[in-house]
C-alpha atoms as a PDB file:
ATOM      1  CA  UNK A   1    -121.870  -0.444 138.606  1.00  0.00           C
ATOM      2  CA  UNK A   2    -124.526  -1.058 135.949  1.00  0.00           C
ATOM      3  CA  UNK A   3    -124.386  -3.858 133.408  1.00  0.00           C
ATOM      4  CA  UNK A   4    -123.952  -1.252 130.652  1.00  0.00           C
ATOM      5  CA  UNK A   5    -120.829   0.138 132.353  1.00  0.00           C
ATOM      6  CA  UNK A   6    -119.358  -3.322 132.821  1.00  0.00           C
ATOM      7  CA  UNK A   7    -120.072  -4.324 129.207  1.00  0.00           C
ATOM      8  CA  UNK A   8    -118.640  -1.081 127.863  1.00  0.00           C
ATOM      9  CA  UNK A   9    -115.436  -1.544 129.880  1.00  0.00           C
ATOM     10  CA  UNK A  10    -115.091  -5.108 128.592  1.00  0.00           C
ATOM     11  CA  UNK A  11    -115.728  -3.994 125.006  1.00  0.00           C
ATOM     12  CA  UNK A  12    -113.240  -1.114 125.314  1.00  0.00           C
ATOM     13  CA  UNK A  13    -110.498  -3.332 126.731  1.00  0.00           C
ATOM     14  CA  UNK A  14    -111.255  -6.009 124.106  1.00  0.00           C
ATOM     15  CA  UNK A  15    -110.852  -3.403 121.362  1.00  0.00           C
ATOM     16  CA  UNK A  16    -107.449  -2.404 122.747  1.00  0.00           C
ATOM     17  CA  UNK A  17    -106.361  -6.068 122.802  1.00  0.00           C
ATOM     18  CA  UNK A  18    -107.642  -6.645 119.259  1.00  0.00           C
ATOM     19  CA  UNK A  19    -105.762  -3.528 118.155  1.00  0.00           C
ATOM     20  CA  UNK A  20    -102.510  -4.612 119.786  1.00  0.00           C
ATOM     21  CA  UNK A  21    -102.637  -8.245 118.690  1.00  0.00           C
ATOM     22  CA  UNK A  22    -104.035  -7.603 115.211  1.00  0.00           C
ATOM     23  CA  UNK A  23    -101.483  -4.991 114.281  1.00  0.00           C
ATOM     24  CA  UNK A  24     -98.667  -7.148 115.639  1.00  0.00           C
ATOM     25  CA  UNK A  25     -99.649 -10.057 113.416  1.00  0.00           C
ATOM     26  CA  UNK A  26     -99.568  -8.116 110.164  1.00  0.00           C
ATOM     27  CA  UNK A  27     -96.654  -5.777 110.881  1.00  0.00           C
ATOM     28  CA  UNK A  28     -94.364  -8.770 111.395  1.00  0.00           C
ATOM     29  CA  UNK A  29     -95.527 -10.597 108.250  1.00  0.00           C
ATOM     30  CA  UNK A  30     -93.069  -9.083 105.753  1.00  0.00           C
ATOM     31  CA  UNK A  31     -90.050  -7.574 107.525  1.00  0.00           C
ATOM     32  CA  UNK A  32     -87.631  -8.045 104.613  1.00  0.00           C
ATOM     33  CA  UNK A  33     -89.892  -6.130 102.251  1.00  0.00           C
ATOM     34  CA  UNK A  34     -90.225  -3.213 104.667  1.00  0.00           C
ATOM     35  CA  UNK A  35     -86.446  -2.802 104.815  1.00  0.00           C
ATOM     36  CA  UNK A  36     -86.291  -2.236 101.056  1.00  0.00           C
ATOM     37  CA  UNK A  37     -88.647   0.753 101.083  1.00  0.00           C
ATOM     38  CA  UNK A  38     -87.511   4.324 100.559  1.00  0.00           C
ATOM     39  CA  UNK A  39     -88.313   5.836 103.959  1.00  0.00           C
ATOM     40  CA  UNK A  40     -89.596   9.354 104.484  1.00  0.00           C
ATOM     41  CA  UNK A  41     -86.867  11.540 106.019  1.00  0.00           C
ATOM     42  CA  UNK A  42     -89.080  12.487 108.989  1.00  0.00           C
ATOM     43  CA  UNK A  43     -89.503   8.875 110.140  1.00  0.00           C
ATOM     44  CA  UNK A  44     -88.500   8.515 113.791  1.00  0.00           C
ATOM     45  CA  UNK A  45     -85.850   5.966 114.775  1.00  0.00           C
ATOM     46  CA  UNK A  46     -87.134   2.398 115.140  1.00  0.00           C
ATOM     47  CA  UNK A  47     -86.848   2.373 118.943  1.00  0.00           C
ATOM     48  CA  UNK A  48     -89.515   5.108 119.162  1.00  0.00           C
ATOM     49  CA  UNK A  49     -92.093   2.682 117.757  1.00  0.00           C
ATOM     50  CA  UNK A  50     -91.265   0.213 120.533  1.00  0.00           C
ATOM     51  CA  UNK A  51     -91.787   2.902 123.165  1.00  0.00           C
ATOM     52  CA  UNK A  52     -94.875   4.698 121.891  1.00  0.00           C
ATOM     53  CA  UNK A  53     -97.116   1.739 121.086  1.00  0.00           C
ATOM     54  CA  UNK A  54     -97.088   0.092 124.532  1.00  0.00           C
ATOM     55  CA  UNK A  55     -97.733   3.524 126.056  1.00  0.00           C
ATOM     56  CA  UNK A  56    -100.623   4.147 123.625  1.00  0.00           C
ATOM     57  CA  UNK A  57    -102.242   0.774 124.305  1.00  0.00           C
ATOM     58  CA  UNK A  58    -102.014   1.220 128.078  1.00  0.00           C
ATOM     59  CA  UNK A  59    -103.524   4.723 127.963  1.00  0.00           C
ATOM     60  CA  UNK A  60    -106.273   3.556 125.588  1.00  0.00           C
ATOM     61  CA  UNK A  61    -107.157   0.790 128.035  1.00  0.00           C
ATOM     62  CA  UNK A  62    -107.296   3.249 130.930  1.00  0.00           C
ATOM     63  CA  UNK A  63    -109.388   5.600 128.799  1.00  0.00           C
ATOM     64  CA  UNK A  64    -111.841   2.792 127.988  1.00  0.00           C
ATOM     65  CA  UNK A  65    -112.343   2.251 131.708  1.00  0.00           C
ATOM     66  CA  UNK A  66    -112.618   5.945 132.572  1.00  0.00           C
ATOM     67  CA  UNK A  67    -114.990   6.732 129.728  1.00  0.00           C
ATOM     68  CA  UNK A  68    -117.308   3.934 130.791  1.00  0.00           C
ATOM     69  CA  UNK A  69    -117.276   5.136 134.389  1.00  0.00           C
ATOM     70  CA  UNK A  70    -117.631   8.879 133.725  1.00  0.00           C
ATOM     71  CA  UNK A  71    -119.692   9.688 130.654  1.00  0.00           C
ATOM     72  CA  UNK A  72    -123.325   9.299 129.691  1.00  0.00           C
ATOM     73  CA  UNK A  73    -124.543   6.178 127.925  1.00  0.00           C
ATOM     74  CA  UNK A  74    -124.697   8.001 124.555  1.00  0.00           C
ATOM     75  CA  UNK A  75    -121.207   9.456 124.970  1.00  0.00           C
ATOM     76  CA  UNK A  76    -119.832   6.032 125.865  1.00  0.00           C
ATOM     77  CA  UNK A  77    -121.489   4.549 122.782  1.00  0.00           C
ATOM     78  CA  UNK A  78    -120.037   7.297 120.592  1.00  0.00           C
ATOM     79  CA  UNK A  79    -116.564   6.772 122.105  1.00  0.00           C
ATOM     80  CA  UNK A  80    -116.740   2.994 121.643  1.00  0.00           C
ATOM     81  CA  UNK A  81    -118.079   3.305 118.092  1.00  0.00           C
ATOM     82  CA  UNK A  82    -115.428   5.814 117.005  1.00  0.00           C
ATOM     83  CA  UNK A  83    -112.715   3.799 118.718  1.00  0.00           C
ATOM     84  CA  UNK A  84    -113.906   0.531 117.128  1.00  0.00           C
ATOM     85  CA  UNK A  85    -114.002   2.142 113.683  1.00  0.00           C
ATOM     86  CA  UNK A  86    -110.550   3.677 114.222  1.00  0.00           C
ATOM     87  CA  UNK A  87    -109.195   0.270 115.256  1.00  0.00           C
ATOM     88  CA  UNK A  88    -110.702  -1.286 112.118  1.00  0.00           C
ATOM     89  CA  UNK A  89    -109.118   1.453 109.983  1.00  0.00           C
ATOM     90  CA  UNK A  90    -105.747   1.063 111.729  1.00  0.00           C
ATOM     91  CA  UNK A  91    -105.836  -2.700 111.234  1.00  0.00           C
ATOM     92  CA  UNK A  92    -106.741  -2.080 107.599  1.00  0.00           C
ATOM     93  CA  UNK A  93    -103.557  -0.003 107.363  1.00  0.00           C
ATOM     94  CA  UNK A  94    -101.459  -2.809 108.869  1.00  0.00           C
ATOM     95  CA  UNK A  95    -102.971  -5.410 106.568  1.00  0.00           C
ATOM     96  CA  UNK A  96    -102.792  -3.308 103.396  1.00  0.00           C
ATOM     97  CA  UNK A  97     -99.285  -2.047 104.090  1.00  0.00           C
ATOM     98  CA  UNK A  98     -97.680  -5.367 105.038  1.00  0.00           C
ATOM     99  CA  UNK A  99     -99.667  -8.076 103.252  1.00  0.00           C
ATOM    100  CA  UNK A 100    -100.682  -6.973  99.732  1.00  0.00           C
ATOM    101  CA  UNK A 101     -98.377  -3.897 100.004  1.00  0.00           C
ATOM    102  CA  UNK A 102    -101.120  -1.535  98.853  1.00  0.00           C
ATOM    103  CA  UNK A 103     -99.474   1.648 100.097  1.00  0.00           C
ATOM    104  CA  UNK A 104    -102.179   3.967  98.788  1.00  0.00           C
ATOM    105  CA  UNK A 105    -105.000   2.143 100.567  1.00  0.00           C
ATOM    106  CA  UNK A 106    -102.824   1.848 103.673  1.00  0.00           C
ATOM    107  CA  UNK A 107    -102.264   5.613 103.716  1.00  0.00           C
ATOM    108  CA  UNK A 108    -105.964   6.274 103.213  1.00  0.00           C
ATOM    109  CA  UNK A 109    -106.773   3.898 106.088  1.00  0.00           C
ATOM    110  CA  UNK A 110    -104.498   5.790 108.462  1.00  0.00           C
ATOM    111  CA  UNK A 111    -106.053   9.079 107.413  1.00  0.00           C
ATOM    112  CA  UNK A 112    -109.445   7.666 108.403  1.00  0.00           C
ATOM    113  CA  UNK A 113    -107.932   6.449 111.672  1.00  0.00           C
ATOM    114  CA  UNK A 114    -106.614   9.937 112.452  1.00  0.00           C
ATOM    115  CA  UNK A 115    -110.033  11.480 111.837  1.00  0.00           C
ATOM    116  CA  UNK A 116    -111.849   8.873 113.933  1.00  0.00           C
ATOM    117  CA  UNK A 117    -109.522   9.351 116.885  1.00  0.00           C
ATOM    118  CA  UNK A 118    -110.515  13.022 117.205  1.00  0.00           C
ATOM    119  CA  UNK A 119    -113.906  12.316 118.866  1.00  0.00           C
ATOM    120  CA  UNK A 120    -112.193   9.644 120.970  1.00  0.00           C
ATOM    121  CA  UNK A 121    -109.736  12.259 122.231  1.00  0.00           C
ATOM    122  CA  UNK A 122    -112.395  14.937 122.772  1.00  0.00           C
ATOM    123  CA  UNK A 123    -114.639  12.604 124.775  1.00  0.00           C
ATOM    124  CA  UNK A 124    -111.645  11.419 126.782  1.00  0.00           C
ATOM    125  CA  UNK A 125    -110.924  15.045 127.690  1.00  0.00           C
ATOM    126  CA  UNK A 126    -114.544  15.399 128.766  1.00  0.00           C
ATOM    127  CA  UNK A 127    -114.197  12.402 131.085  1.00  0.00           C
ATOM    128  CA  UNK A 128    -110.823  13.470 132.487  1.00  0.00           C
ATOM    129  CA  UNK A 129    -108.598  16.379 131.513  1.00  0.00           C
ATOM    130  CA  UNK A 130    -105.533  14.544 132.799  1.00  0.00           C
ATOM    131  CA  UNK A 131    -106.387  11.425 130.817  1.00  0.00           C
ATOM    132  CA  UNK A 132    -107.106  13.551 127.748  1.00  0.00           C
ATOM    133  CA  UNK A 133    -103.586  14.968 127.955  1.00  0.00           C
ATOM    134  CA  UNK A 134    -102.232  11.451 128.490  1.00  0.00           C
ATOM    135  CA  UNK A 135    -104.002  10.348 125.296  1.00  0.00           C
ATOM    136  CA  UNK A 136    -102.705  13.257 123.189  1.00  0.00           C
ATOM    137  CA  UNK A 137     -99.493  11.394 122.247  1.00  0.00           C
ATOM    138  CA  UNK A 138    -101.703   8.754 120.633  1.00  0.00           C
ATOM    139  CA  UNK A 139    -103.444  11.369 118.488  1.00  0.00           C
ATOM    140  CA  UNK A 140    -100.116  12.956 117.607  1.00  0.00           C
ATOM    141  CA  UNK A 141     -98.627   9.560 116.800  1.00  0.00           C
ATOM    142  CA  UNK A 142    -101.539   8.607 114.539  1.00  0.00           C
ATOM    143  CA  UNK A 143    -101.147  11.936 112.714  1.00  0.00           C
ATOM    144  CA  UNK A 144     -97.403  11.329 112.274  1.00  0.00           C
ATOM    145  CA  UNK A 145     -98.060   7.763 111.152  1.00  0.00           C
ATOM    146  CA  UNK A 146    -100.533   9.079 108.585  1.00  0.00           C
ATOM    147  CA  UNK A 147     -97.922  11.427 107.121  1.00  0.00           C
ATOM    148  CA  UNK A 148     -95.420   8.561 107.096  1.00  0.00           C
ATOM    149  CA  UNK A 149     -97.891   6.313 105.289  1.00  0.00           C
ATOM    150  CA  UNK A 150     -98.421   8.972 102.622  1.00  0.00           C
ATOM    151  CA  UNK A 151     -94.652   9.434 102.475  1.00  0.00           C
ATOM    152  CA  UNK A 152     -94.145   5.734 101.819  1.00  0.00           C
ATOM    153  CA  UNK A 153     -96.865   5.773  99.193  1.00  0.00           C
ATOM    154  CA  UNK A 154     -95.381   8.735  97.301  1.00  0.00           C
ATOM    155  CA  UNK A 155     -91.793   7.398  97.475  1.00  0.00           C
ATOM    156  CA  UNK A 156     -92.365   3.768  96.571  1.00  0.00           C
END
Protein backbone atom coordinates (compact mmCIF):
# COMPACT_ATOMS: atom_id res chain seq x y z
CA UNK A 1 0.00 0.00 0.00
CA UNK A 2 1.41 3.40 -0.97
CA UNK A 3 2.21 6.15 1.51
CA UNK A 4 -0.62 8.24 0.02
CA UNK A 5 -3.15 5.48 0.76
CA UNK A 6 -1.90 5.08 4.32
CA UNK A 7 -1.95 8.85 4.96
CA UNK A 8 -5.42 9.21 3.48
CA UNK A 9 -6.76 6.39 5.68
CA UNK A 10 -5.21 8.00 8.76
CA UNK A 11 -6.62 11.41 7.82
CA UNK A 12 -10.08 9.95 7.14
CA UNK A 13 -10.20 8.09 10.45
CA UNK A 14 -8.86 11.17 12.27
CA UNK A 15 -11.66 13.26 10.76
CA UNK A 16 -14.25 10.77 12.01
CA UNK A 17 -12.73 10.90 15.52
CA UNK A 18 -12.62 14.71 15.47
CA UNK A 19 -16.26 14.73 14.35
CA UNK A 20 -17.37 12.35 17.09
CA UNK A 21 -15.38 13.94 19.91
CA UNK A 22 -15.92 17.55 18.84
CA UNK A 23 -19.67 17.27 18.52
CA UNK A 24 -19.89 15.43 21.84
CA UNK A 25 -18.11 18.24 23.66
CA UNK A 26 -20.44 21.00 22.50
CA UNK A 27 -23.73 19.09 22.47
CA UNK A 28 -23.34 18.33 26.18
CA UNK A 29 -22.41 21.91 27.14
CA UNK A 30 -25.91 23.29 27.74
CA UNK A 31 -28.42 20.48 28.32
CA UNK A 32 -30.81 22.54 30.47
CA UNK A 33 -31.16 25.18 27.78
CA UNK A 34 -31.94 22.60 25.10
CA UNK A 35 -34.84 21.24 27.16
CA UNK A 36 -36.53 24.64 27.15
CA UNK A 37 -36.70 24.92 23.36
CA UNK A 38 -39.89 24.55 21.37
CA UNK A 39 -39.15 21.38 19.39
CA UNK A 40 -40.25 20.78 15.83
CA UNK A 41 -43.05 18.18 15.72
CA UNK A 42 -41.08 15.93 13.34
CA UNK A 43 -38.16 15.50 15.75
CA UNK A 44 -37.46 11.81 16.34
CA UNK A 45 -37.45 10.43 19.89
CA UNK A 46 -34.20 10.99 21.80
CA UNK A 47 -33.14 7.33 21.66
CA UNK A 48 -32.87 7.55 17.85
CA UNK A 49 -29.98 10.01 18.22
CA UNK A 50 -28.13 7.50 20.40
CA UNK A 51 -28.57 4.80 17.76
CA UNK A 52 -27.90 6.69 14.54
CA UNK A 53 -24.73 8.56 15.48
CA UNK A 54 -22.60 5.55 16.46
CA UNK A 55 -23.77 3.82 13.27
CA UNK A 56 -22.89 6.91 11.19
CA UNK A 57 -19.42 7.25 12.71
CA UNK A 58 -18.63 3.56 12.17
CA UNK A 59 -19.76 3.63 8.53
CA UNK A 60 -17.86 6.88 7.91
CA UNK A 61 -14.71 5.25 9.26
CA UNK A 62 -15.19 2.21 7.02
CA UNK A 63 -15.85 4.52 4.08
CA UNK A 64 -12.63 6.44 4.77
CA UNK A 65 -10.72 3.18 4.54
CA UNK A 66 -12.53 1.92 1.44
CA UNK A 67 -12.26 5.21 -0.41
CA UNK A 68 -8.53 5.32 0.19
CA UNK A 69 -8.12 1.76 -1.03
CA UNK A 70 -10.40 1.96 -4.08
CA UNK A 71 -10.44 5.36 -5.73
CA UNK A 72 -7.93 7.44 -7.64
CA UNK A 73 -5.70 9.92 -5.84
CA UNK A 74 -7.82 12.88 -7.05
CA UNK A 75 -11.08 11.21 -6.00
CA UNK A 76 -9.64 10.43 -2.58
CA UNK A 77 -8.55 14.06 -2.20
CA UNK A 78 -12.00 15.28 -3.21
CA UNK A 79 -13.66 12.86 -0.75
CA UNK A 80 -11.34 13.89 2.09
CA UNK A 81 -11.74 17.60 1.32
CA UNK A 82 -15.54 17.45 1.16
CA UNK A 83 -15.66 15.29 4.27
CA UNK A 84 -13.31 17.62 6.18
CA UNK A 85 -15.37 20.66 5.18
CA UNK A 86 -18.60 18.87 6.13
CA UNK A 87 -17.12 17.97 9.52
CA UNK A 88 -16.10 21.61 10.04
CA UNK A 89 -19.63 22.74 9.12
CA UNK A 90 -21.22 20.11 11.39
CA UNK A 91 -18.98 21.14 14.28
CA UNK A 92 -19.91 24.75 13.55
CA UNK A 93 -23.55 23.70 13.98
CA UNK A 94 -22.81 22.04 17.33
CA UNK A 95 -20.87 25.04 18.59
CA UNK A 96 -23.34 27.67 17.37
CA UNK A 97 -26.40 25.76 18.54
CA UNK A 98 -25.17 24.85 22.03
CA UNK A 99 -22.66 27.53 23.02
CA UNK A 100 -23.77 30.99 21.85
CA UNK A 101 -27.23 29.59 20.90
CA UNK A 102 -27.12 31.18 17.46
CA UNK A 103 -29.86 29.04 15.93
CA UNK A 104 -29.80 30.78 12.55
CA UNK A 105 -26.07 30.23 12.02
CA UNK A 106 -26.43 26.68 13.34
CA UNK A 107 -29.15 25.93 10.79
CA UNK A 108 -27.08 27.45 7.99
CA UNK A 109 -24.09 25.33 9.06
CA UNK A 110 -26.11 22.13 8.82
CA UNK A 111 -27.39 23.12 5.40
CA UNK A 112 -23.77 23.44 4.26
CA UNK A 113 -23.02 20.07 5.87
CA UNK A 114 -25.87 18.43 3.94
CA UNK A 115 -24.59 19.84 0.65
CA UNK A 116 -21.00 18.80 1.33
CA UNK A 117 -21.99 15.24 2.16
CA UNK A 118 -23.45 14.72 -1.32
CA UNK A 119 -20.05 14.30 -3.06
CA UNK A 120 -18.93 12.17 -0.11
CA UNK A 121 -21.89 9.86 -0.69
CA UNK A 122 -21.48 9.78 -4.48
CA UNK A 123 -17.78 8.92 -4.27
CA UNK A 124 -18.52 6.28 -1.65
CA UNK A 125 -20.98 4.69 -4.07
CA UNK A 126 -18.27 4.74 -6.72
CA UNK A 127 -15.90 2.88 -4.40
CA UNK A 128 -18.51 0.37 -3.22
CA UNK A 129 -22.22 0.19 -3.97
CA UNK A 130 -22.84 -1.70 -0.74
CA UNK A 131 -20.95 0.87 1.30
CA UNK A 132 -22.76 3.67 -0.52
CA UNK A 133 -26.08 2.20 0.59
CA UNK A 134 -24.69 1.78 4.11
CA UNK A 135 -23.79 5.49 4.13
CA UNK A 136 -27.20 6.65 2.89
CA UNK A 137 -28.65 6.82 6.44
CA UNK A 138 -25.96 9.39 7.22
CA UNK A 139 -27.04 11.57 4.30
CA UNK A 140 -30.69 11.15 5.25
CA UNK A 141 -29.91 11.94 8.88
CA UNK A 142 -27.98 15.10 7.98
CA UNK A 143 -30.92 16.22 5.82
CA UNK A 144 -33.36 15.57 8.69
CA UNK A 145 -31.04 17.34 11.12
CA UNK A 146 -30.94 20.32 8.78
CA UNK A 147 -34.74 20.56 8.74
CA UNK A 148 -34.75 20.22 12.53
CA UNK A 149 -32.18 23.01 12.87
CA UNK A 150 -34.33 25.30 10.72
CA UNK A 151 -37.35 24.21 12.75
CA UNK A 152 -35.63 25.20 15.99
CA UNK A 153 -34.57 28.50 14.47
CA UNK A 154 -38.09 29.40 13.29
CA UNK A 155 -39.76 28.33 16.57
CA UNK A 156 -37.40 29.87 19.09
